Amino acid sequence: SVINVGWGVGALIAGVALKYDTRPAYVAILVVCAALALLASLLVLR
């Protein structure tokens, strides 16, 4: 259930990059993707 919420939130945020449709916007989104993936891994330490 939580994963489905996360997918929806991610899709909404990604809409910002799709609106601007520029490489800097896509780069920013991919950096955020990697940062969130790193955060998910570190939270497992709890």
ModelCIF file with pLDDT and N, C-alpha, C, O atoms, coordinates in Angstrom:
data_MODEL
#
_entry.id   MODEL 
#
_entity.id                         1 
_entity.type                       polymer 
_entity.pdbx_number_of_molecules   1 
#
_entity_poly.entity_id                      1 
_entity_poly.type                           'polypeptide(L)' 
_entity_poly.nstd_linkage                   no 
_entity_poly.nstd_monomer                   no 
_entity_poly.pdbx_seq_one_letter_code       SVINVGWGVGALIAGVALKYDTRPAYVAILVVCAALALLASLLVLR 
_entity_poly.pdbx_seq_one_letter_code_can   SVINVGWGVGALIAGVALKYDTRPAYVAILVVCAALALLASLLVLR 
_entity_poly.pdbx_strand_id                 A 
#
loop_
_entity_poly_seq.entity_id 
_entity_poly_seq.num 
_entity_poly_seq.mon_id 
_entity_poly_seq.hetero 
1 1  SER n 
1 2  VAL n 
1 3  ILE n 
1 4  ASN n 
1 5  VAL n 
1 6  GLY n 
1 7  TRP n 
1 8  GLY n 
1 9  VAL n 
1 10 GLY n 
1 11 ALA n 
1 12 LEU n 
1 13 ILE n 
1 14 ALA n 
1 15 GLY n 
1 16 VAL n 
1 17 ALA n 
1 18 LEU n 
1 19 LYS n 
1 20 TYR n 
1 21 ASP n 
1 22 THR n 
1 23 ARG n 
1 24 PRO n 
1 25 ALA n 
1 26 TYR n 
1 27 VAL n 
1 28 ALA n 
1 29 ILE n 
1 30 LEU n 
1 31 VAL n 
1 32 VAL n 
1 33 CYS n 
1 34 ALA n 
1 35 ALA n 
1 36 LEU n 
1 37 ALA n 
1 38 LEU n 
1 39 LEU n 
1 40 ALA n 
1 41 SER n 
1 42 LEU n 
1 43 LEU n 
1 44 VAL n 
1 45 LEU n 
1 46 ARG n 
#
_struct_asym.id          A 
_struct_asym.entity_id   1 
#
loop_
_ma_qa_metric.id 
_ma_qa_metric.mode 
_ma_qa_metric.name 
_ma_qa_metric.software_group_id 
_ma_qa_metric.type 
1 global pLDDT . pLDDT 
2 local  pLDDT . pLDDT 
#
_ma_qa_metric_global.metric_id      1 
_ma_qa_metric_global.metric_value   87.07 
_ma_qa_metric_global.model_id       1 
_ma_qa_metric_global.ordinal_id     1 
#
loop_
_ma_qa_metric_local.label_asym_id 
_ma_qa_metric_local.label_comp_id 
_ma_qa_metric_local.label_seq_id 
_ma_qa_metric_local.metric_id 
_ma_qa_metric_local.metric_value 
_ma_qa_metric_local.model_id 
_ma_qa_metric_local.ordinal_id 
A SER 1  2 91.00 1 1  
A VAL 2  2 92.00 1 2  
A ILE 3  2 91.00 1 3  
A ASN 4  2 88.00 1 4  
A VAL 5  2 91.00 1 5  
A GLY 6  2 89.00 1 6  
A TRP 7  2 84.00 1 7  
A GLY 8  2 84.00 1 8  
A VAL 9  2 87.00 1 9  
A GLY 10 2 85.00 1 10 
A ALA 11 2 80.00 1 11 
A LEU 12 2 81.00 1 12 
A ILE 13 2 82.00 1 13 
A ALA 14 2 80.00 1 14 
A GLY 15 2 76.00 1 15 
A VAL 16 2 74.00 1 16 
A ALA 17 2 73.00 1 17 
A LEU 18 2 75.00 1 18 
A LYS 19 2 75.00 1 19 
A TYR 20 2 76.00 1 20 
A ASP 21 2 74.00 1 21 
A THR 22 2 82.00 1 22 
A ARG 23 2 85.00 1 23 
A PRO 24 2 87.00 1 24 
A ALA 25 2 85.00 1 25 
A TYR 26 2 85.00 1 26 
A VAL 27 2 88.00 1 27 
A ALA 28 2 89.00 1 28 
A ILE 29 2 89.00 1 29 
A LEU 30 2 91.00 1 30 
A VAL 31 2 93.00 1 31 
A VAL 32 2 93.00 1 32 
A CYS 33 2 93.00 1 33 
A ALA 34 2 94.00 1 34 
A ALA 35 2 95.00 1 35 
A LEU 36 2 95.00 1 36 
A ALA 37 2 94.00 1 37 
A LEU 38 2 95.00 1 38 
A LEU 39 2 95.00 1 39 
A ALA 40 2 94.00 1 40 
A SER 41 2 93.00 1 41 
A LEU 42 2 93.00 1 42 
A LEU 43 2 93.00 1 43 
A VAL 44 2 93.00 1 44 
A LEU 45 2 92.00 1 45 
A ARG 46 2 91.00 1 46 
#
loop_
_atom_site.group_PDB 
_atom_site.id 
_atom_site.type_symbol 
_atom_site.label_atom_id 
_atom_site.label_alt_id 
_atom_site.label_comp_id 
_atom_site.label_asym_id 
_atom_site.label_entity_id 
_atom_site.label_seq_id 
_atom_site.pdbx_PDB_ins_code 
_atom_site.Cartn_x 
_atom_site.Cartn_y 
_atom_site.Cartn_z 
_atom_site.occupancy 
_atom_site.B_iso_or_equiv 
_atom_site.pdbx_formal_charge 
_atom_site.auth_seq_id 
_atom_site.auth_comp_id 
_atom_site.auth_asym_id 
_atom_site.auth_atom_id 
_atom_site.pdbx_PDB_model_num 
ATOM 1   N N  . SER A 1 1  ? 0.830  -1.203 0.000   1.00 91.00 ? 1  SER A N  1 
ATOM 2   C CA . SER A 1 1  ? 0.000  0.000  0.000   1.00 91.00 ? 1  SER A CA 1 
ATOM 3   C C  . SER A 1 1  ? 0.864  1.251  0.000   1.00 91.00 ? 1  SER A C  1 
ATOM 4   O O  . SER A 1 1  ? 0.597  2.208  -0.727  1.00 91.00 ? 1  SER A O  1 
ATOM 5   N N  . VAL A 1 2  ? 1.900  1.228  0.826   1.00 92.00 ? 2  VAL A N  1 
ATOM 6   C CA . VAL A 1 2  ? 2.812  2.374  0.904   1.00 92.00 ? 2  VAL A CA 1 
ATOM 7   C C  . VAL A 1 2  ? 3.541  2.567  -0.418  1.00 92.00 ? 2  VAL A C  1 
ATOM 8   O O  . VAL A 1 2  ? 3.737  3.697  -0.864  1.00 92.00 ? 2  VAL A O  1 
ATOM 9   N N  . ILE A 1 3  ? 3.943  1.469  -1.042  1.00 91.00 ? 3  ILE A N  1 
ATOM 10  C CA . ILE A 1 3  ? 4.655  1.550  -2.322  1.00 91.00 ? 3  ILE A CA 1 
ATOM 11  C C  . ILE A 1 3  ? 3.785  2.215  -3.381  1.00 91.00 ? 3  ILE A C  1 
ATOM 12  O O  . ILE A 1 3  ? 4.285  3.016  -4.170  1.00 91.00 ? 3  ILE A O  1 
ATOM 13  N N  . ASN A 1 4  ? 2.501  1.900  -3.413  1.00 88.00 ? 4  ASN A N  1 
ATOM 14  C CA . ASN A 1 4  ? 1.609  2.535  -4.374  1.00 88.00 ? 4  ASN A CA 1 
ATOM 15  C C  . ASN A 1 4  ? 1.481  4.030  -4.114  1.00 88.00 ? 4  ASN A C  1 
ATOM 16  O O  . ASN A 1 4  ? 1.383  4.819  -5.054  1.00 88.00 ? 4  ASN A O  1 
ATOM 17  N N  . VAL A 1 5  ? 1.480  4.419  -2.846  1.00 91.00 ? 5  VAL A N  1 
ATOM 18  C CA . VAL A 1 5  ? 1.464  5.847  -2.521  1.00 91.00 ? 5  VAL A CA 1 
ATOM 19  C C  . VAL A 1 5  ? 2.739  6.502  -3.036  1.00 91.00 ? 5  VAL A C  1 
ATOM 20  O O  . VAL A 1 5  ? 2.689  7.575  -3.638  1.00 91.00 ? 5  VAL A O  1 
ATOM 21  N N  . GLY A 1 6  ? 3.872  5.865  -2.803  1.00 89.00 ? 6  GLY A N  1 
ATOM 22  C CA . GLY A 1 6  ? 5.148  6.420  -3.257  1.00 89.00 ? 6  GLY A CA 1 
ATOM 23  C C  . GLY A 1 6  ? 5.220  6.576  -4.766  1.00 89.00 ? 6  GLY A C  1 
ATOM 24  O O  . GLY A 1 6  ? 5.711  7.585  -5.274  1.00 89.00 ? 6  GLY A O  1 
ATOM 25  N N  . TRP A 1 7  ? 4.725  5.564  -5.482  1.00 84.00 ? 7  TRP A N  1 
ATOM 26  C CA . TRP A 1 7  ? 4.706  5.672  -6.946  1.00 84.00 ? 7  TRP A CA 1 
ATOM 27  C C  . TRP A 1 7  ? 3.893  6.887  -7.393  1.00 84.00 ? 7  TRP A C  1 
ATOM 28  O O  . TRP A 1 7  ? 4.305  7.625  -8.288  1.00 84.00 ? 7  TRP A O  1 
ATOM 29  N N  . GLY A 1 8  ? 2.738  7.086  -6.762  1.00 84.00 ? 8  GLY A N  1 
ATOM 30  C CA . GLY A 1 8  ? 1.896  8.225  -7.130  1.00 84.00 ? 8  GLY A CA 1 
ATOM 31  C C  . GLY A 1 8  ? 2.565  9.549  -6.832  1.00 84.00 ? 8  GLY A C  1 
ATOM 32  O O  . GLY A 1 8  ? 2.517  10.469 -7.649  1.00 84.00 ? 8  GLY A O  1 
ATOM 33  N N  . VAL A 1 9  ? 3.193  9.655  -5.661  1.00 87.00 ? 9  VAL A N  1 
ATOM 34  C CA . VAL A 1 9  ? 3.896  10.888 -5.294  1.00 87.00 ? 9  VAL A CA 1 
ATOM 35  C C  . VAL A 1 9  ? 5.041  11.146 -6.274  1.00 87.00 ? 9  VAL A C  1 
ATOM 36  O O  . VAL A 1 9  ? 5.240  12.275 -6.724  1.00 87.00 ? 9  VAL A O  1 
ATOM 37  N N  . GLY A 1 10 ? 5.785  10.098 -6.597  1.00 85.00 ? 10 GLY A N  1 
ATOM 38  C CA . GLY A 1 10 ? 6.891  10.249 -7.536  1.00 85.00 ? 10 GLY A CA 1 
ATOM 39  C C  . GLY A 1 10 ? 6.421  10.709 -8.901  1.00 85.00 ? 10 GLY A C  1 
ATOM 40  O O  . GLY A 1 10 ? 7.053  11.562 -9.523  1.00 85.00 ? 10 GLY A O  1 
ATOM 41  N N  . ALA A 1 11 ? 5.313  10.149 -9.370  1.00 80.00 ? 11 ALA A N  1 
ATOM 42  C CA . ALA A 1 11 ? 4.781  10.533 -10.683 1.00 80.00 ? 11 ALA A CA 1 
ATOM 43  C C  . ALA A 1 11 ? 4.354  11.998 -10.696 1.00 80.00 ? 11 ALA A C  1 
ATOM 44  O O  . ALA A 1 11 ? 4.557  12.701 -11.686 1.00 80.00 ? 11 ALA A O  1 
ATOM 45  N N  . LEU A 1 12 ? 3.758  12.458 -9.583  1.00 81.00 ? 12 LEU A N  1 
ATOM 46  C CA . LEU A 1 12 ? 3.331  13.856 -9.521  1.00 81.00 ? 12 LEU A CA 1 
ATOM 47  C C  . LEU A 1 12 ? 4.531  14.798 -9.545  1.00 81.00 ? 12 LEU A C  1 
ATOM 48  O O  . LEU A 1 12 ? 4.515  15.810 -10.245 1.00 81.00 ? 12 LEU A O  1 
ATOM 49  N N  . ILE A 1 13 ? 5.567  14.467 -8.784  1.00 82.00 ? 13 ILE A N  1 
ATOM 50  C CA . ILE A 1 13 ? 6.764  15.310 -8.766  1.00 82.00 ? 13 ILE A CA 1 
ATOM 51  C C  . ILE A 1 13 ? 7.433  15.321 -10.131 1.00 82.00 ? 13 ILE A C  1 
ATOM 52  O O  . ILE A 1 13 ? 7.925  16.353 -10.587 1.00 82.00 ? 13 ILE A O  1 
ATOM 53  N N  . ALA A 1 14 ? 7.446  14.158 -10.779 1.00 80.00 ? 14 ALA A N  1 
ATOM 54  C CA . ALA A 1 14 ? 8.067  14.066 -12.104 1.00 80.00 ? 14 ALA A CA 1 
ATOM 55  C C  . ALA A 1 14 ? 7.356  14.938 -13.119 1.00 80.00 ? 14 ALA A C  1 
ATOM 56  O O  . ALA A 1 14 ? 7.952  15.339 -14.118 1.00 80.00 ? 14 ALA A O  1 
ATOM 57  N N  . GLY A 1 15 ? 6.082  15.238 -12.874 1.00 76.00 ? 15 GLY A N  1 
ATOM 58  C CA . GLY A 1 15 ? 5.348  16.104 -13.788 1.00 76.00 ? 15 GLY A CA 1 
ATOM 59  C C  . GLY A 1 15 ? 5.988  17.472 -13.934 1.00 76.00 ? 15 GLY A C  1 
ATOM 60  O O  . GLY A 1 15 ? 5.833  18.122 -14.968 1.00 76.00 ? 15 GLY A O  1 
ATOM 61  N N  . VAL A 1 16 ? 6.712  17.921 -12.902 1.00 74.00 ? 16 VAL A N  1 
ATOM 62  C CA . VAL A 1 16 ? 7.399  19.210 -12.983 1.00 74.00 ? 16 VAL A CA 1 
ATOM 63  C C  . VAL A 1 16 ? 8.477  19.156 -14.063 1.00 74.00 ? 16 VAL A C  1 
ATOM 64  O O  . VAL A 1 16 ? 8.590  20.066 -14.884 1.00 74.00 ? 16 VAL A O  1 
ATOM 65  N N  . ALA A 1 17 ? 9.268  18.084 -14.054 1.00 73.00 ? 17 ALA A N  1 
ATOM 66  C CA . ALA A 1 17 ? 10.313 17.939 -15.065 1.00 73.00 ? 17 ALA A CA 1 
ATOM 67  C C  . ALA A 1 17 ? 9.713  17.827 -16.462 1.00 73.00 ? 17 ALA A C  1 
ATOM 68  O O  . ALA A 1 17 ? 10.231 18.401 -17.420 1.00 73.00 ? 17 ALA A O  1 
ATOM 69  N N  . LEU A 1 18 ? 8.615  17.081 -16.568 1.00 75.00 ? 18 LEU A N  1 
ATOM 70  C CA . LEU A 1 18 ? 7.979  16.920 -17.876 1.00 75.00 ? 18 LEU A CA 1 
ATOM 71  C C  . LEU A 1 18 ? 7.418  18.244 -18.378 1.00 75.00 ? 18 LEU A C  1 
ATOM 72  O O  . LEU A 1 18 ? 7.380  18.478 -19.586 1.00 75.00 ? 18 LEU A O  1 
ATOM 73  N N  . LYS A 1 19 ? 6.982  19.113 -17.472 1.00 75.00 ? 19 LYS A N  1 
ATOM 74  C CA . LYS A 1 19 ? 6.455  20.414 -17.868 1.00 75.00 ? 19 LYS A CA 1 
ATOM 75  C C  . LYS A 1 19 ? 7.547  21.279 -18.485 1.00 75.00 ? 19 LYS A C  1 
ATOM 76  O O  . LYS A 1 19 ? 7.327  21.933 -19.505 1.00 75.00 ? 19 LYS A O  1 
ATOM 77  N N  . TYR A 1 20 ? 8.728  21.280 -17.862 1.00 76.00 ? 20 TYR A N  1 
ATOM 78  C CA . TYR A 1 20 ? 9.829  22.099 -18.384 1.00 76.00 ? 20 TYR A CA 1 
ATOM 79  C C  . TYR A 1 20 ? 10.531 21.429 -19.566 1.00 76.00 ? 20 TYR A C  1 
ATOM 80  O O  . TYR A 1 20 ? 11.001 22.108 -20.479 1.00 76.00 ? 20 TYR A O  1 
ATOM 81  N N  . ASP A 1 21 ? 10.601 20.081 -19.546 1.00 74.00 ? 21 ASP A N  1 
ATOM 82  C CA . ASP A 1 21 ? 11.151 19.315 -20.666 1.00 74.00 ? 21 ASP A CA 1 
ATOM 83  C C  . ASP A 1 21 ? 12.537 19.813 -21.075 1.00 74.00 ? 21 ASP A C  1 
ATOM 84  O O  . ASP A 1 21 ? 12.799 20.025 -22.259 1.00 74.00 ? 21 ASP A O  1 
ATOM 85  N N  . THR A 1 22 ? 13.425 20.000 -20.094 1.00 82.00 ? 22 THR A N  1 
ATOM 86  C CA . THR A 1 22 ? 14.806 20.407 -20.365 1.00 82.00 ? 22 THR A CA 1 
ATOM 87  C C  . THR A 1 22 ? 15.753 19.417 -19.713 1.00 82.00 ? 22 THR A C  1 
ATOM 88  O O  . THR A 1 22 ? 15.384 18.736 -18.756 1.00 82.00 ? 22 THR A O  1 
ATOM 89  N N  . ARG A 1 23 ? 16.968 19.336 -20.226 1.00 85.00 ? 23 ARG A N  1 
ATOM 90  C CA . ARG A 1 23 ? 17.935 18.411 -19.623 1.00 85.00 ? 23 ARG A CA 1 
ATOM 91  C C  . ARG A 1 23 ? 18.218 18.750 -18.154 1.00 85.00 ? 23 ARG A C  1 
ATOM 92  O O  . ARG A 1 23 ? 18.258 17.835 -17.332 1.00 85.00 ? 23 ARG A O  1 
ATOM 93  N N  . PRO A 1 24 ? 18.418 20.039 -17.784 1.00 87.00 ? 24 PRO A N  1 
ATOM 94  C CA . PRO A 1 24 ? 18.636 20.327 -16.359 1.00 87.00 ? 24 PRO A CA 1 
ATOM 95  C C  . PRO A 1 24 ? 17.503 19.819 -15.462 1.00 87.00 ? 24 PRO A C  1 
ATOM 96  O O  . PRO A 1 24 ? 17.753 19.357 -14.349 1.00 87.00 ? 24 PRO A O  1 
ATOM 97  N N  . ALA A 1 25 ? 16.270 19.902 -15.940 1.00 85.00 ? 25 ALA A N  1 
ATOM 98  C CA . ALA A 1 25 ? 15.148 19.412 -15.129 1.00 85.00 ? 25 ALA A CA 1 
ATOM 99  C C  . ALA A 1 25 ? 15.226 17.906 -14.967 1.00 85.00 ? 25 ALA A C  1 
ATOM 100 O O  . ALA A 1 25 ? 14.997 17.383 -13.876 1.00 85.00 ? 25 ALA A O  1 
ATOM 101 N N  . TYR A 1 26 ? 15.551 17.198 -16.059 1.00 85.00 ? 26 TYR A N  1 
ATOM 102 C CA . TYR A 1 26 ? 15.660 15.741 -15.976 1.00 85.00 ? 26 TYR A CA 1 
ATOM 103 C C  . TYR A 1 26 ? 16.845 15.327 -15.099 1.00 85.00 ? 26 TYR A C  1 
ATOM 104 O O  . TYR A 1 26 ? 16.757 14.363 -14.339 1.00 85.00 ? 26 TYR A O  1 
ATOM 105 N N  . VAL A 1 27 ? 17.962 16.073 -15.213 1.00 88.00 ? 27 VAL A N  1 
ATOM 106 C CA . VAL A 1 27 ? 19.126 15.773 -14.384 1.00 88.00 ? 27 VAL A CA 1 
ATOM 107 C C  . VAL A 1 27 ? 18.771 15.931 -12.908 1.00 88.00 ? 27 VAL A C  1 
ATOM 108 O O  . VAL A 1 27 ? 19.149 15.104 -12.079 1.00 88.00 ? 27 VAL A O  1 
ATOM 109 N N  . ALA A 1 28 ? 18.045 16.995 -12.588 1.00 89.00 ? 28 ALA A N  1 
ATOM 110 C CA . ALA A 1 28 ? 17.645 17.219 -11.196 1.00 89.00 ? 28 ALA A CA 1 
ATOM 111 C C  . ALA A 1 28 ? 16.783 16.069 -10.683 1.00 89.00 ? 28 ALA A C  1 
ATOM 112 O O  . ALA A 1 28 ? 16.957 15.611 -9.554  1.00 89.00 ? 28 ALA A O  1 
ATOM 113 N N  . ILE A 1 29 ? 15.855 15.606 -11.514 1.00 89.00 ? 29 ILE A N  1 
ATOM 114 C CA . ILE A 1 29 ? 14.986 14.502 -11.105 1.00 89.00 ? 29 ILE A CA 1 
ATOM 115 C C  . ILE A 1 29 ? 15.797 13.235 -10.882 1.00 89.00 ? 29 ILE A C  1 
ATOM 116 O O  . ILE A 1 29 ? 15.561 12.524 -9.905  1.00 89.00 ? 29 ILE A O  1 
ATOM 117 N N  . LEU A 1 30 ? 16.750 12.934 -11.764 1.00 91.00 ? 30 LEU A N  1 
ATOM 118 C CA . LEU A 1 30 ? 17.563 11.726 -11.598 1.00 91.00 ? 30 LEU A CA 1 
ATOM 119 C C  . LEU A 1 30 ? 18.434 11.809 -10.350 1.00 91.00 ? 30 LEU A C  1 
ATOM 120 O O  . LEU A 1 30 ? 18.654 10.797 -9.685  1.00 91.00 ? 30 LEU A O  1 
ATOM 121 N N  . VAL A 1 31 ? 18.930 12.993 -10.026 1.00 93.00 ? 31 VAL A N  1 
ATOM 122 C CA . VAL A 1 31 ? 19.698 13.159 -8.786  1.00 93.00 ? 31 VAL A CA 1 
ATOM 123 C C  . VAL A 1 31 ? 18.801 12.914 -7.575  1.00 93.00 ? 31 VAL A C  1 
ATOM 124 O O  . VAL A 1 31 ? 19.214 12.273 -6.609  1.00 93.00 ? 31 VAL A O  1 
ATOM 125 N N  . VAL A 1 32 ? 17.576 13.427 -7.633  1.00 93.00 ? 32 VAL A N  1 
ATOM 126 C CA . VAL A 1 32 ? 16.624 13.183 -6.537  1.00 93.00 ? 32 VAL A CA 1 
ATOM 127 C C  . VAL A 1 32 ? 16.307 11.699 -6.436  1.00 93.00 ? 32 VAL A C  1 
ATOM 128 O O  . VAL A 1 32 ? 16.189 11.165 -5.333  1.00 93.00 ? 32 VAL A O  1 
ATOM 129 N N  . CYS A 1 33 ? 16.166 11.022 -7.582  1.00 93.00 ? 33 CYS A N  1 
ATOM 130 C CA . CYS A 1 33 ? 15.925 9.571  -7.581  1.00 93.00 ? 33 CYS A CA 1 
ATOM 131 C C  . CYS A 1 33 ? 17.032 8.836  -6.835  1.00 93.00 ? 33 CYS A C  1 
ATOM 132 O O  . CYS A 1 33 ? 16.767 7.992  -5.980  1.00 93.00 ? 33 CYS A O  1 
ATOM 133 N N  . ALA A 1 34 ? 18.277 9.169  -7.173  1.00 94.00 ? 34 ALA A N  1 
ATOM 134 C CA . ALA A 1 34 ? 19.415 8.510  -6.522  1.00 94.00 ? 34 ALA A CA 1 
ATOM 135 C C  . ALA A 1 34 ? 19.462 8.836  -5.033  1.00 94.00 ? 34 ALA A C  1 
ATOM 136 O O  . ALA A 1 34 ? 19.766 7.966  -4.217  1.00 94.00 ? 34 ALA A O  1 
ATOM 137 N N  . ALA A 1 35 ? 19.164 10.085 -4.675  1.00 95.00 ? 35 ALA A N  1 
ATOM 138 C CA . ALA A 1 35 ? 19.185 10.478 -3.262  1.00 95.00 ? 35 ALA A CA 1 
ATOM 139 C C  . ALA A 1 35 ? 18.111 9.730  -2.470  1.00 95.00 ? 35 ALA A C  1 
ATOM 140 O O  . ALA A 1 35 ? 18.363 9.281  -1.352  1.00 95.00 ? 35 ALA A O  1 
ATOM 141 N N  . LEU A 1 36 ? 16.928 9.600  -3.042  1.00 95.00 ? 36 LEU A N  1 
ATOM 142 C CA . LEU A 1 36 ? 15.863 8.860  -2.361  1.00 95.00 ? 36 LEU A CA 1 
ATOM 143 C C  . LEU A 1 36 ? 16.206 7.379  -2.246  1.00 95.00 ? 36 LEU A C  1 
ATOM 144 O O  . LEU A 1 36 ? 15.908 6.751  -1.230  1.00 95.00 ? 36 LEU A O  1 
ATOM 145 N N  . ALA A 1 37 ? 16.835 6.812  -3.289  1.00 94.00 ? 37 ALA A N  1 
ATOM 146 C CA . ALA A 1 37 ? 17.250 5.413  -3.220  1.00 94.00 ? 37 ALA A CA 1 
ATOM 147 C C  . ALA A 1 37 ? 18.296 5.218  -2.129  1.00 94.00 ? 37 ALA A C  1 
ATOM 148 O O  . ALA A 1 37 ? 18.274 4.215  -1.415  1.00 94.00 ? 37 ALA A O  1 
ATOM 149 N N  . LEU A 1 38 ? 19.207 6.170  -2.000  1.00 95.00 ? 38 LEU A N  1 
ATOM 150 C CA . LEU A 1 38 ? 20.206 6.108  -0.930  1.00 95.00 ? 38 LEU A CA 1 
ATOM 151 C C  . LEU A 1 38 ? 19.540 6.226  0.436   1.00 95.00 ? 38 LEU A C  1 
ATOM 152 O O  . LEU A 1 38 ? 19.881 5.489  1.361   1.00 95.00 ? 38 LEU A O  1 
ATOM 153 N N  . LEU A 1 39 ? 18.595 7.146  0.565   1.00 95.00 ? 39 LEU A N  1 
ATOM 154 C CA . LEU A 1 39 ? 17.881 7.307  1.833   1.00 95.00 ? 39 LEU A CA 1 
ATOM 155 C C  . LEU A 1 39 ? 17.142 6.027  2.200   1.00 95.00 ? 39 LEU A C  1 
ATOM 156 O O  . LEU A 1 39 ? 17.146 5.618  3.362   1.00 95.00 ? 39 LEU A O  1 
ATOM 157 N N  . ALA A 1 40 ? 16.505 5.388  1.212   1.00 94.00 ? 40 ALA A N  1 
ATOM 158 C CA . ALA A 1 40 ? 15.782 4.141  1.479   1.00 94.00 ? 40 ALA A CA 1 
ATOM 159 C C  . ALA A 1 40 ? 16.720 3.077  2.031   1.00 94.00 ? 40 ALA A C  1 
ATOM 160 O O  . ALA A 1 40 ? 16.354 2.335  2.943   1.00 94.00 ? 40 ALA A O  1 
ATOM 161 N N  . SER A 1 41 ? 17.915 3.002  1.487   1.00 93.00 ? 41 SER A N  1 
ATOM 162 C CA . SER A 1 41 ? 18.885 2.007  1.960   1.00 93.00 ? 41 SER A CA 1 
ATOM 163 C C  . SER A 1 41 ? 19.348 2.311  3.382   1.00 93.00 ? 41 SER A C  1 
ATOM 164 O O  . SER A 1 41 ? 19.471 1.405  4.206   1.00 93.00 ? 41 SER A O  1 
ATOM 165 N N  . LEU A 1 42 ? 19.600 3.572  3.664   1.00 93.00 ? 42 LEU A N  1 
ATOM 166 C CA . LEU A 1 42 ? 20.089 3.940  4.999   1.00 93.00 ? 42 LEU A CA 1 
ATOM 167 C C  . LEU A 1 42 ? 19.007 3.760  6.058   1.00 93.00 ? 42 LEU A C  1 
ATOM 168 O O  . LEU A 1 42 ? 19.313 3.461  7.212   1.00 93.00 ? 42 LEU A O  1 
ATOM 169 N N  . LEU A 1 43 ? 17.743 3.939  5.673   1.00 93.00 ? 43 LEU A N  1 
ATOM 170 C CA . LEU A 1 43 ? 16.657 3.733  6.636   1.00 93.00 ? 43 LEU A CA 1 
ATOM 171 C C  . LEU A 1 43 ? 16.547 2.279  7.073   1.00 93.00 ? 43 LEU A C  1 
ATOM 172 O O  . LEU A 1 43 ? 16.037 1.989  8.156   1.00 93.00 ? 43 LEU A O  1 
ATOM 173 N N  . VAL A 1 44 ? 17.021 1.369  6.236   1.00 93.00 ? 44 VAL A N  1 
ATOM 174 C CA . VAL A 1 44 ? 17.014 -0.055 6.604   1.00 93.00 ? 44 VAL A CA 1 
ATOM 175 C C  . VAL A 1 44 ? 17.902 -0.301 7.819   1.00 93.00 ? 44 VAL A C  1 
ATOM 176 O O  . VAL A 1 44 ? 17.699 -1.282 8.534   1.00 93.00 ? 44 VAL A O  1 
ATOM 177 N N  . LEU A 1 45 ? 18.879 0.565  8.067   1.00 92.00 ? 45 LEU A N  1 
ATOM 178 C CA . LEU A 1 45 ? 19.753 0.409  9.234   1.00 92.00 ? 45 LEU A CA 1 
ATOM 179 C C  . LEU A 1 45 ? 18.974 0.532  10.543  1.00 92.00 ? 45 LEU A C  1 
ATOM 180 O O  . LEU A 1 45 ? 19.478 0.149  11.599  1.00 92.00 ? 45 LEU A O  1 
ATOM 181 N N  . ARG A 1 46 ? 17.755 1.061  10.485  1.00 91.00 ? 46 ARG A N  1 
ATOM 182 C CA . ARG A 1 46 ? 16.934 1.167  11.693  1.00 91.00 ? 46 ARG A CA 1 
ATOM 183 C C  . ARG A 1 46 ? 16.246 -0.155 12.030  1.00 91.00 ? 46 ARG A C  1 
ATOM 184 O O  . ARG A 1 46 ? 15.517 -0.238 13.018  1.00 91.00 ? 46 ARG A O  1 
#
